[in-house]
Amino acid sequence: MRQMRPAELKAWLDDPAREPPLLLDVREPWEYGLCRIDGTELVPLQSLPARLAELNPARETVVICHHGVRSYHAARYLEHNGFSNVINLTGGVDAWAKEADPSMPTY
């Protein structure tokens, strides 16, 4: 599984020549309500198996959580279910706030 730092993801999202990935946030709704990366889709980790059919296994997908642990497990789950373009955001939204968007609230 590929890993990506927030600065790399920000550069990708800021590049109009590149198709943006699906930003899949696997945190809980209460966490998502506190802070999120613009454009993310919320699919809490526990509901991922039930919502798998909603996702495109060929699309580049960056999986996001608070610190990168749940997203790592979600990314592994996606890979085991035929998703070939999965990336884990190392450090999660906490690292995103520190490295890419200092105005983002943290918790």
PDB file of N, CA and C in Angstrom:
ATOM      1  N   MET A   1       0.839  -1.172   0.000  1.00  0.00           N
ATOM      2  CA  MET A   1       0.000   0.000   0.000  1.00  0.00           C
ATOM      3  C   MET A   1       0.890   1.242   0.000  1.00  0.00           C
ATOM      4  N   ARG A   2       0.459   2.199  -0.776  1.00  0.00           N
ATOM      5  CA  ARG A   2       1.206   3.454  -0.834  1.00  0.00           C
ATOM      6  C   ARG A   2       0.854   4.325   0.373  1.00  0.00           C
ATOM      7  N   GLN A   3       1.812   5.110   0.784  1.00  0.00           N
ATOM      8  CA  GLN A   3       1.641   6.075   1.864  1.00  0.00           C
ATOM      9  C   GLN A   3       1.903   7.456   1.264  1.00  0.00           C
ATOM     10  N   MET A   4       1.228   8.466   1.802  1.00  0.00           N
ATOM     11  CA  MET A   4       1.415   9.824   1.303  1.00  0.00           C
ATOM     12  C   MET A   4       1.383  10.793   2.478  1.00  0.00           C
ATOM     13  N   ARG A   5       2.301  11.736   2.478  1.00  0.00           N
ATOM     14  CA  ARG A   5       2.326  12.792   3.488  1.00  0.00           C
ATOM     15  C   ARG A   5       1.352  13.899   3.064  1.00  0.00           C
ATOM     16  N   PRO A   6       0.851  14.672   4.015  1.00  0.00           N
ATOM     17  CA  PRO A   6      -0.084  15.745   3.695  1.00  0.00           C
ATOM     18  C   PRO A   6       0.423  16.746   2.646  1.00  0.00           C
ATOM     19  N   ALA A   7       1.690  17.101   2.708  1.00  0.00           N
ATOM     20  CA  ALA A   7       2.226  18.058   1.728  1.00  0.00           C
ATOM     21  C   ALA A   7       2.122  17.502   0.305  1.00  0.00           C
ATOM     22  N   GLU A   8       2.348  16.206   0.147  1.00  0.00           N
ATOM     23  CA  GLU A   8       2.221  15.575  -1.168  1.00  0.00           C
ATOM     24  C   GLU A   8       0.773  15.613  -1.652  1.00  0.00           C
ATOM     25  N   LEU A   9      -0.165  15.304  -0.748  1.00  0.00           N
ATOM     26  CA  LEU A   9      -1.570  15.324  -1.114  1.00  0.00           C
ATOM     27  C   LEU A   9      -2.006  16.739  -1.469  1.00  0.00           C
ATOM     28  N   LYS A  10      -1.574  17.722  -0.703  1.00  0.00           N
ATOM     29  CA  LYS A  10      -1.944  19.110  -0.984  1.00  0.00           C
ATOM     30  C   LYS A  10      -1.445  19.521  -2.371  1.00  0.00           C
ATOM     31  N   ALA A  11      -0.207  19.164  -2.697  1.00  0.00           N
ATOM     32  CA  ALA A  11       0.342  19.488  -4.020  1.00  0.00           C
ATOM     33  C   ALA A  11      -0.500  18.841  -5.118  1.00  0.00           C
ATOM     34  N   TRP A  12      -0.924  17.615  -4.901  1.00  0.00           N
ATOM     35  CA  TRP A  12      -1.760  16.914  -5.868  1.00  0.00           C
ATOM     36  C   TRP A  12      -3.100  17.636  -6.031  1.00  0.00           C
ATOM     37  N   LEU A  13      -3.731  17.959  -4.918  1.00  0.00           N
ATOM     38  CA  LEU A  13      -5.041  18.613  -4.974  1.00  0.00           C
ATOM     39  C   LEU A  13      -4.947  20.016  -5.592  1.00  0.00           C
ATOM     40  N   ASP A  14      -3.813  20.664  -5.424  1.00  0.00           N
ATOM     41  CA  ASP A  14      -3.617  22.011  -5.973  1.00  0.00           C
ATOM     42  C   ASP A  14      -3.222  22.004  -7.445  1.00  0.00           C
ATOM     43  N   ASP A  15      -2.949  20.844  -8.016  1.00  0.00           N
ATOM     44  CA  ASP A  15      -2.506  20.736  -9.409  1.00  0.00           C
ATOM     45  C   ASP A  15      -3.704  20.522 -10.330  1.00  0.00           C
ATOM     46  N   PRO A  16      -4.111  21.547 -11.098  1.00  0.00           N
ATOM     47  CA  PRO A  16      -5.286  21.410 -11.959  1.00  0.00           C
ATOM     48  C   PRO A  16      -5.083  20.409 -13.101  1.00  0.00           C
ATOM     49  N   ALA A  17      -3.853  20.032 -13.375  1.00  0.00           N
ATOM     50  CA  ALA A  17      -3.584  19.077 -14.453  1.00  0.00           C
ATOM     51  C   ALA A  17      -3.823  17.627 -14.020  1.00  0.00           C
ATOM     52  N   ARG A  18      -3.924  17.397 -12.730  1.00  0.00           N
ATOM     53  CA  ARG A  18      -4.123  16.031 -12.228  1.00  0.00           C
ATOM     54  C   ARG A  18      -5.563  15.837 -11.790  1.00  0.00           C
ATOM     55  N   GLU A  19      -6.106  14.673 -12.135  1.00  0.00           N
ATOM     56  CA  GLU A  19      -7.452  14.336 -11.667  1.00  0.00           C
ATOM     57  C   GLU A  19      -7.381  14.105 -10.156  1.00  0.00           C
ATOM     58  N   PRO A  20      -8.282  14.737  -9.411  1.00  0.00           N
ATOM     59  CA  PRO A  20      -8.225  14.547  -7.953  1.00  0.00           C
ATOM     60  C   PRO A  20      -8.658  13.135  -7.557  1.00  0.00           C
ATOM     61  N   PRO A  21      -8.068  12.629  -6.483  1.00  0.00           N
ATOM     62  CA  PRO A  21      -8.464  11.313  -5.994  1.00  0.00           C
ATOM     63  C   PRO A  21      -9.767  11.415  -5.204  1.00  0.00           C
ATOM     64  N   LEU A  22     -10.351  10.270  -4.923  1.00  0.00           N
ATOM     65  CA  LEU A  22     -11.430  10.225  -3.944  1.00  0.00           C
ATOM     66  C   LEU A  22     -10.767  10.366  -2.581  1.00  0.00           C
ATOM     67  N   LEU A  23     -11.232  11.314  -1.795  1.00  0.00           N
ATOM     68  CA  LEU A  23     -10.747  11.497  -0.432  1.00  0.00           C
ATOM     69  C   LEU A  23     -11.746  10.814   0.482  1.00  0.00           C
ATOM     70  N   LEU A  24     -11.383   9.665   1.008  1.00  0.00           N
ATOM     71  CA  LEU A  24     -12.277   8.836   1.797  1.00  0.00           C
ATOM     72  C   LEU A  24     -11.936   8.964   3.279  1.00  0.00           C
ATOM     73  N   ASP A  25     -12.781   9.644   4.022  1.00  0.00           N
ATOM     74  CA  ASP A  25     -12.566   9.868   5.456  1.00  0.00           C
ATOM     75  C   ASP A  25     -13.296   8.770   6.216  1.00  0.00           C
ATOM     76  N   VAL A  26     -12.554   7.995   6.994  1.00  0.00           N
ATOM     77  CA  VAL A  26     -13.144   6.852   7.702  1.00  0.00           C
ATOM     78  C   VAL A  26     -13.337   7.123   9.199  1.00  0.00           C
ATOM     79  N   ARG A  27     -13.305   8.379   9.590  1.00  0.00           N
ATOM     80  CA  ARG A  27     -13.532   8.727  10.997  1.00  0.00           C
ATOM     81  C   ARG A  27     -15.024   8.675  11.316  1.00  0.00           C
ATOM     82  N   GLU A  28     -15.336   8.927  12.576  1.00  0.00           N
ATOM     83  CA  GLU A  28     -16.725   8.967  13.028  1.00  0.00           C
ATOM     84  C   GLU A  28     -17.341  10.330  12.692  1.00  0.00           C
ATOM     85  N   PRO A  29     -18.674  10.383  12.553  1.00  0.00           N
ATOM     86  CA  PRO A  29     -19.327  11.657  12.211  1.00  0.00           C
ATOM     87  C   PRO A  29     -18.985  12.804  13.161  1.00  0.00           C
ATOM     88  N   TRP A  30     -18.859  12.524  14.470  1.00  0.00           N
ATOM     89  CA  TRP A  30     -18.534  13.603  15.403  1.00  0.00           C
ATOM     90  C   TRP A  30     -17.149  14.179  15.128  1.00  0.00           C
ATOM     91  N   GLU A  31     -16.214  13.332  14.690  1.00  0.00           N
ATOM     92  CA  GLU A  31     -14.865  13.796  14.360  1.00  0.00           C
ATOM     93  C   GLU A  31     -14.891  14.625  13.076  1.00  0.00           C
ATOM     94  N   TYR A  32     -15.632  14.126  12.110  1.00  0.00           N
ATOM     95  CA  TYR A  32     -15.770  14.802  10.818  1.00  0.00           C
ATOM     96  C   TYR A  32     -16.368  16.188  11.020  1.00  0.00           C
ATOM     97  N   GLY A  33     -17.272  16.310  11.995  1.00  0.00           N
ATOM     98  CA  GLY A  33     -17.882  17.597  12.287  1.00  0.00           C
ATOM     99  C   GLY A  33     -16.913  18.600  12.885  1.00  0.00           C
ATOM    100  N   LEU A  34     -15.851  18.121  13.501  1.00  0.00           N
ATOM    101  CA  LEU A  34     -14.855  19.012  14.106  1.00  0.00           C
ATOM    102  C   LEU A  34     -13.915  19.602  13.064  1.00  0.00           C
ATOM    103  N   CYS A  35     -13.478  18.784  12.127  1.00  0.00           N
ATOM    104  CA  CYS A  35     -12.558  19.239  11.082  1.00  0.00           C
ATOM    105  C   CYS A  35     -12.525  18.204   9.970  1.00  0.00           C
ATOM    106  N   ARG A  36     -12.242  18.674   8.771  1.00  0.00           N
ATOM    107  CA  ARG A  36     -12.140  17.771   7.630  1.00  0.00           C
ATOM    108  C   ARG A  36     -11.399  18.470   6.499  1.00  0.00           C
ATOM    109  N   ILE A  37     -10.868  17.672   5.618  1.00  0.00           N
ATOM    110  CA  ILE A  37     -10.236  18.190   4.414  1.00  0.00           C
ATOM    111  C   ILE A  37     -11.352  18.425   3.395  1.00  0.00           C
ATOM    112  N   ASP A  38     -11.353  19.594   2.781  1.00  0.00           N
ATOM    113  CA  ASP A  38     -12.393  19.907   1.802  1.00  0.00           C
ATOM    114  C   ASP A  38     -12.478  18.831   0.723  1.00  0.00           C
ATOM    115  N   GLY A  39     -13.699  18.446   0.407  1.00  0.00           N
ATOM    116  CA  GLY A  39     -13.932  17.479  -0.657  1.00  0.00           C
ATOM    117  C   GLY A  39     -13.936  16.026  -0.219  1.00  0.00           C
ATOM    118  N   THR A  40     -13.793  15.781   1.083  1.00  0.00           N
ATOM    119  CA  THR A  40     -13.780  14.391   1.537  1.00  0.00           C
ATOM    120  C   THR A  40     -15.183  13.810   1.583  1.00  0.00           C
ATOM    121  N   GLU A  41     -15.234  12.498   1.429  1.00  0.00           N
ATOM    122  CA  GLU A  41     -16.481  11.747   1.574  1.00  0.00           C
ATOM    123  C   GLU A  41     -16.364  10.942   2.858  1.00  0.00           C
ATOM    124  N   LEU A  42     -17.354  11.083   3.722  1.00  0.00           N
ATOM    125  CA  LEU A  42     -17.341  10.377   5.002  1.00  0.00           C
ATOM    126  C   LEU A  42     -17.962   8.994   4.867  1.00  0.00           C
ATOM    127  N   VAL A  43     -17.157   7.982   5.185  1.00  0.00           N
ATOM    128  CA  VAL A  43     -17.624   6.601   5.278  1.00  0.00           C
ATOM    129  C   VAL A  43     -16.939   6.029   6.519  1.00  0.00           C
ATOM    130  N   PRO A  44     -17.595   6.121   7.684  1.00  0.00           N
ATOM    131  CA  PRO A  44     -16.962   5.618   8.907  1.00  0.00           C
ATOM    132  C   PRO A  44     -16.478   4.177   8.745  1.00  0.00           C
ATOM    133  N   LEU A  45     -15.351   3.888   9.366  1.00  0.00           N
ATOM    134  CA  LEU A  45     -14.700   2.587   9.214  1.00  0.00           C
ATOM    135  C   LEU A  45     -15.667   1.422   9.402  1.00  0.00           C
ATOM    136  N   GLN A  46     -16.507   1.478  10.421  1.00  0.00           N
ATOM    137  CA  GLN A  46     -17.406   0.349  10.675  1.00  0.00           C
ATOM    138  C   GLN A  46     -18.459   0.176   9.586  1.00  0.00           C
ATOM    139  N   SER A  47     -18.760   1.216   8.836  1.00  0.00           N
ATOM    140  CA  SER A  47     -19.760   1.081   7.773  1.00  0.00           C
ATOM    141  C   SER A  47     -19.121   0.823   6.410  1.00  0.00           C
ATOM    142  N   LEU A  48     -17.809   0.758   6.360  1.00  0.00           N
ATOM    143  CA  LEU A  48     -17.116   0.538   5.083  1.00  0.00           C
ATOM    144  C   LEU A  48     -17.538  -0.761   4.384  1.00  0.00           C
ATOM    145  N   PRO A  49     -17.608  -1.900   5.085  1.00  0.00           N
ATOM    146  CA  PRO A  49     -18.020  -3.123   4.378  1.00  0.00           C
ATOM    147  C   PRO A  49     -19.400  -3.002   3.723  1.00  0.00           C
ATOM    148  N   ALA A  50     -20.333  -2.367   4.404  1.00  0.00           N
ATOM    149  CA  ALA A  50     -21.693  -2.230   3.867  1.00  0.00           C
ATOM    150  C   ALA A  50     -21.766  -1.242   2.709  1.00  0.00           C
ATOM    151  N   ARG A  51     -20.789  -0.334   2.624  1.00  0.00           N
ATOM    152  CA  ARG A  51     -20.825   0.698   1.592  1.00  0.00           C
ATOM    153  C   ARG A  51     -19.789   0.489   0.492  1.00  0.00           C
ATOM    154  N   LEU A  52     -19.127  -0.656   0.511  1.00  0.00           N
ATOM    155  CA  LEU A  52     -18.067  -0.952  -0.445  1.00  0.00           C
ATOM    156  C   LEU A  52     -18.532  -0.810  -1.892  1.00  0.00           C
ATOM    157  N   ALA A  53     -19.742  -1.232  -2.178  1.00  0.00           N
ATOM    158  CA  ALA A  53     -20.256  -1.193  -3.550  1.00  0.00           C
ATOM    159  C   ALA A  53     -20.435   0.234  -4.065  1.00  0.00           C
ATOM    160  N   GLU A  54     -20.452   1.223  -3.180  1.00  0.00           N
ATOM    161  CA  GLU A  54     -20.598   2.621  -3.584  1.00  0.00           C
ATOM    162  C   GLU A  54     -19.293   3.199  -4.135  1.00  0.00           C
ATOM    163  N   LEU A  55     -18.193   2.506  -3.894  1.00  0.00           N
ATOM    164  CA  LEU A  55     -16.875   3.019  -4.260  1.00  0.00           C
ATOM    165  C   LEU A  55     -16.366   2.378  -5.539  1.00  0.00           C
ATOM    166  N   ASN A  56     -15.569   3.129  -6.286  1.00  0.00           N
ATOM    167  CA  ASN A  56     -14.988   2.652  -7.543  1.00  0.00           C
ATOM    168  C   ASN A  56     -13.620   2.043  -7.256  1.00  0.00           C
ATOM    169  N   PRO A  57     -13.452   0.730  -7.439  1.00  0.00           N
ATOM    170  CA  PRO A  57     -12.180   0.086  -7.110  1.00  0.00           C
ATOM    171  C   PRO A  57     -11.015   0.528  -7.993  1.00  0.00           C
ATOM    172  N   ALA A  58     -11.279   1.139  -9.143  1.00  0.00           N
ATOM    173  CA  ALA A  58     -10.211   1.574 -10.031  1.00  0.00           C
ATOM    174  C   ALA A  58      -9.764   3.014  -9.753  1.00  0.00           C
ATOM    175  N   ARG A  59     -10.582   3.777  -9.058  1.00  0.00           N
ATOM    176  CA  ARG A  59     -10.257   5.194  -8.820  1.00  0.00           C
ATOM    177  C   ARG A  59      -9.181   5.331  -7.752  1.00  0.00           C
ATOM    178  N   GLU A  60      -8.265   6.268  -7.947  1.00  0.00           N
ATOM    179  CA  GLU A  60      -7.284   6.537  -6.910  1.00  0.00           C
ATOM    180  C   GLU A  60      -8.027   7.056  -5.688  1.00  0.00           C
ATOM    181  N   THR A  61      -7.757   6.421  -4.557  1.00  0.00           N
ATOM    182  CA  THR A  61      -8.467   6.716  -3.321  1.00  0.00           C
ATOM    183  C   THR A  61      -7.468   6.972  -2.212  1.00  0.00           C
ATOM    184  N   VAL A  62      -7.576   8.145  -1.588  1.00  0.00           N
ATOM    185  CA  VAL A  62      -6.740   8.475  -0.435  1.00  0.00           C
ATOM    186  C   VAL A  62      -7.612   8.305   0.796  1.00  0.00           C
ATOM    187  N   VAL A  63      -7.197   7.411   1.691  1.00  0.00           N
ATOM    188  CA  VAL A  63      -7.973   7.111   2.891  1.00  0.00           C
ATOM    189  C   VAL A  63      -7.406   7.945   4.044  1.00  0.00           C
ATOM    190  N   ILE A  64      -8.341   8.557   4.804  1.00  0.00           N
ATOM    191  CA  ILE A  64      -7.977   9.548   5.813  1.00  0.00           C
ATOM    192  C   ILE A  64      -8.662   9.233   7.141  1.00  0.00           C
ATOM    193  N   CYS A  65      -7.932   9.429   8.233  1.00  0.00           N
ATOM    194  CA  CYS A  65      -8.527   9.365   9.575  1.00  0.00           C
ATOM    195  C   CYS A  65      -7.838  10.413  10.444  1.00  0.00           C
ATOM    196  N   HIS A  66      -7.847  10.232  11.757  1.00  0.00           N
ATOM    197  CA  HIS A  66      -7.269  11.226  12.666  1.00  0.00           C
ATOM    198  C   HIS A  66      -5.743  11.219  12.638  1.00  0.00           C
ATOM    199  N   HIS A  67      -5.135  10.047  12.843  1.00  0.00           N
ATOM    200  CA  HIS A  67      -3.673   9.956  12.879  1.00  0.00           C
ATOM    201  C   HIS A  67      -3.081   8.986  11.851  1.00  0.00           C
ATOM    202  N   GLY A  68      -3.910   8.301  11.091  1.00  0.00           N
ATOM    203  CA  GLY A  68      -3.398   7.406  10.060  1.00  0.00           C
ATOM    204  C   GLY A  68      -3.489   5.927  10.365  1.00  0.00           C
ATOM    205  N   VAL A  69      -3.995   5.563  11.543  1.00  0.00           N
ATOM    206  CA  VAL A  69      -4.076   4.148  11.908  1.00  0.00           C
ATOM    207  C   VAL A  69      -5.342   3.504  11.344  1.00  0.00           C
ATOM    208  N   ARG A  70      -6.483   4.099  11.608  1.00  0.00           N
ATOM    209  CA  ARG A  70      -7.738   3.547  11.047  1.00  0.00           C
ATOM    210  C   ARG A  70      -7.713   3.573   9.529  1.00  0.00           C
ATOM    211  N   SER A  71      -7.167   4.639   8.966  1.00  0.00           N
ATOM    212  CA  SER A  71      -7.114   4.724   7.503  1.00  0.00           C
ATOM    213  C   SER A  71      -6.202   3.641   6.932  1.00  0.00           C
ATOM    214  N   TYR A  72      -5.137   3.303   7.648  1.00  0.00           N
ATOM    215  CA  TYR A  72      -4.260   2.218   7.211  1.00  0.00           C
ATOM    216  C   TYR A  72      -5.042   0.909   7.156  1.00  0.00           C
ATOM    217  N   HIS A  73      -5.815   0.626   8.204  1.00  0.00           N
ATOM    218  CA  HIS A  73      -6.613  -0.606   8.227  1.00  0.00           C
ATOM    219  C   HIS A  73      -7.692  -0.584   7.139  1.00  0.00           C
ATOM    220  N   ALA A  74      -8.307   0.574   6.934  1.00  0.00           N
ATOM    221  CA  ALA A  74      -9.321   0.701   5.884  1.00  0.00           C
ATOM    222  C   ALA A  74      -8.693   0.496   4.509  1.00  0.00           C
ATOM    223  N   ALA A  75      -7.521   1.057   4.294  1.00  0.00           N
ATOM    224  CA  ALA A  75      -6.836   0.902   3.005  1.00  0.00           C
ATOM    225  C   ALA A  75      -6.479  -0.563   2.752  1.00  0.00           C
ATOM    226  N   ARG A  76      -6.006  -1.249   3.782  1.00  0.00           N
ATOM    227  CA  ARG A  76      -5.698  -2.684   3.639  1.00  0.00           C
ATOM    228  C   ARG A  76      -6.972  -3.465   3.301  1.00  0.00           C
ATOM    229  N   TYR A  77      -8.076  -3.120   3.951  1.00  0.00           N
ATOM    230  CA  TYR A  77      -9.353  -3.769   3.677  1.00  0.00           C
ATOM    231  C   TYR A  77      -9.746  -3.535   2.214  1.00  0.00           C
ATOM    232  N   LEU A  78      -9.608  -2.313   1.755  1.00  0.00           N
ATOM    233  CA  LEU A  78      -9.950  -2.009   0.359  1.00  0.00           C
ATOM    234  C   LEU A  78      -9.075  -2.817  -0.597  1.00  0.00           C
ATOM    235  N   GLU A  79      -7.782  -2.878  -0.315  1.00  0.00           N
ATOM    236  CA  GLU A  79      -6.876  -3.660  -1.169  1.00  0.00           C
ATOM    237  C   GLU A  79      -7.286  -5.129  -1.203  1.00  0.00           C
ATOM    238  N   HIS A  80      -7.648  -5.688  -0.077  1.00  0.00           N
ATOM    239  CA  HIS A  80      -8.064  -7.092  -0.023  1.00  0.00           C
ATOM    240  C   HIS A  80      -9.377  -7.330  -0.759  1.00  0.00           C
ATOM    241  N   ASN A  81     -10.087  -6.257  -1.044  1.00  0.00           N
ATOM    242  CA  ASN A  81     -11.353  -6.364  -1.765  1.00  0.00           C
ATOM    243  C   ASN A  81     -11.255  -5.844  -3.194  1.00  0.00           C
ATOM    244  N   GLY A  82     -10.050  -5.855  -3.755  1.00  0.00           N
ATOM    245  CA  GLY A  82      -9.873  -5.574  -5.172  1.00  0.00           C
ATOM    246  C   GLY A  82      -9.596  -4.132  -5.552  1.00  0.00           C
ATOM    247  N   PHE A  83      -9.397  -3.250  -4.594  1.00  0.00           N
ATOM    248  CA  PHE A  83      -9.070  -1.865  -4.902  1.00  0.00           C
ATOM    249  C   PHE A  83      -7.569  -1.777  -5.152  1.00  0.00           C
ATOM    250  N   SER A  84      -7.203  -1.281  -6.324  1.00  0.00           N
ATOM    251  CA  SER A  84      -5.793  -1.317  -6.716  1.00  0.00           C
ATOM    252  C   SER A  84      -5.065   0.011  -6.566  1.00  0.00           C
ATOM    253  N   ASN A  85      -5.778   1.100  -6.342  1.00  0.00           N
ATOM    254  CA  ASN A  85      -5.160   2.427  -6.275  1.00  0.00           C
ATOM    255  C   ASN A  85      -5.457   3.099  -4.940  1.00  0.00           C
ATOM    256  N   VAL A  86      -4.990   2.484  -3.863  1.00  0.00           N
ATOM    257  CA  VAL A  86      -5.303   2.962  -2.520  1.00  0.00           C
ATOM    258  C   VAL A  86      -4.056   3.589  -1.890  1.00  0.00           C
ATOM    259  N   ILE A  87      -4.261   4.734  -1.260  1.00  0.00           N
ATOM    260  CA  ILE A  87      -3.173   5.456  -0.606  1.00  0.00           C
ATOM    261  C   ILE A  87      -3.628   5.813   0.808  1.00  0.00           C
ATOM    262  N   ASN A  88      -2.759   5.600   1.781  1.00  0.00           N
ATOM    263  CA  ASN A  88      -3.040   5.996   3.156  1.00  0.00           C
ATOM    264  C   ASN A  88      -2.420   7.361   3.410  1.00  0.00           C
ATOM    265  N   LEU A  89      -3.205   8.298   3.978  1.00  0.00           N
ATOM    266  CA  LEU A  89      -2.654   9.603   4.355  1.00  0.00           C
ATOM    267  C   LEU A  89      -1.930   9.438   5.690  1.00  0.00           C
ATOM    268  N   THR A  90      -0.620   9.436   5.635  1.00  0.00           N
ATOM    269  CA  THR A  90       0.210   9.268   6.820  1.00  0.00           C
ATOM    270  C   THR A  90       0.003  10.447   7.766  1.00  0.00           C
ATOM    271  N   GLY A  91      -0.330  10.144   9.009  1.00  0.00           N
ATOM    272  CA  GLY A  91      -0.524  11.183  10.005  1.00  0.00           C
ATOM    273  C   GLY A  91      -1.930  11.751  10.063  1.00  0.00           C
ATOM    274  N   GLY A  92      -2.776  11.400   9.088  1.00  0.00           N
ATOM    275  CA  GLY A  92      -4.176  11.799   9.088  1.00  0.00           C
ATOM    276  C   GLY A  92      -4.416  13.301   9.103  1.00  0.00           C
ATOM    277  N   VAL A  93      -5.617  13.674   9.554  1.00  0.00           N
ATOM    278  CA  VAL A  93      -5.978  15.096   9.573  1.00  0.00           C
ATOM    279  C   VAL A  93      -5.130  15.874  10.576  1.00  0.00           C
ATOM    280  N   ASP A  94      -4.601  15.202  11.580  1.00  0.00           N
ATOM    281  CA  ASP A  94      -3.734  15.878  12.532  1.00  0.00           C
ATOM    282  C   ASP A  94      -2.476  16.387  11.819  1.00  0.00           C
ATOM    283  N   ALA A  95      -1.857  15.537  11.018  1.00  0.00           N
ATOM    284  CA  ALA A  95      -0.676  15.946  10.257  1.00  0.00           C
ATOM    285  C   ALA A  95      -1.055  16.948   9.165  1.00  0.00           C
ATOM    286  N   TRP A  96      -2.250  16.779   8.570  1.00  0.00           N
ATOM    287  CA  TRP A  96      -2.708  17.733   7.554  1.00  0.00           C
ATOM    288  C   TRP A  96      -2.760  19.141   8.146  1.00  0.00           C
ATOM    289  N   ALA A  97      -3.300  19.257   9.363  1.00  0.00           N
ATOM    290  CA  ALA A  97      -3.392  20.564  10.017  1.00  0.00           C
ATOM    291  C   ALA A  97      -2.006  21.152  10.285  1.00  0.00           C
ATOM    292  N   LYS A  98      -1.051  20.321  10.593  1.00  0.00           N
ATOM    293  CA  LYS A  98       0.303  20.803  10.890  1.00  0.00           C
ATOM    294  C   LYS A  98       1.105  21.113   9.631  1.00  0.00           C
ATOM    295  N   GLU A  99       0.925  20.295   8.582  1.00  0.00           N
ATOM    296  CA  GLU A  99       1.790  20.399   7.406  1.00  0.00           C
ATOM    297  C   GLU A  99       1.160  21.096   6.203  1.00  0.00           C
ATOM    298  N   ALA A 100      -0.160  21.060   6.100  1.00  0.00           N
ATOM    299  CA  ALA A 100      -0.795  21.552   4.874  1.00  0.00           C
ATOM    300  C   ALA A 100      -1.793  22.687   5.105  1.00  0.00           C
ATOM    301  N   ASP A 101      -2.454  22.703   6.261  1.00  0.00           N
ATOM    302  CA  ASP A 101      -3.481  23.709   6.517  1.00  0.00           C
ATOM    303  C   ASP A 101      -3.496  24.084   7.998  1.00  0.00           C
ATOM    304  N   PRO A 102      -2.603  24.995   8.392  1.00  0.00           N
ATOM    305  CA  PRO A 102      -2.522  25.383   9.807  1.00  0.00           C
ATOM    306  C   PRO A 102      -3.791  26.033  10.357  1.00  0.00           C
ATOM    307  N   SER A 103      -4.700  26.431   9.486  1.00  0.00           N
ATOM    308  CA  SER A 103      -5.952  27.030   9.962  1.00  0.00           C
ATOM    309  C   SER A 103      -6.984  25.974  10.365  1.00  0.00           C
ATOM    310  N   MET A 104      -6.722  24.704  10.057  1.00  0.00           N
ATOM    311  CA  MET A 104      -7.666  23.639  10.406  1.00  0.00           C
ATOM    312  C   MET A 104      -7.646  23.390  11.909  1.00  0.00           C
ATOM    313  N   PRO A 105      -8.837  23.312  12.515  1.00  0.00           N
ATOM    314  CA  PRO A 105      -8.889  22.971  13.951  1.00  0.00           C
ATOM    315  C   PRO A 105      -8.333  21.554  14.173  1.00  0.00           C
ATOM    316  N   THR A 106      -7.807  21.328  15.350  1.00  0.00           N
ATOM    317  CA  THR A 106      -7.319  19.993  15.711  1.00  0.00           C
ATOM    318  C   THR A 106      -8.036  19.532  16.975  1.00  0.00           C
ATOM    319  N   TYR A 107      -7.951  18.243  17.220  1.00  0.00           N
ATOM    320  CA  TYR A 107      -8.560  17.671  18.437  1.00  0.00           C
ATOM    321  C   TYR A 107      -7.710  16.540  18.931  1.00  0.00           C
TER     322      TYR A 107
END
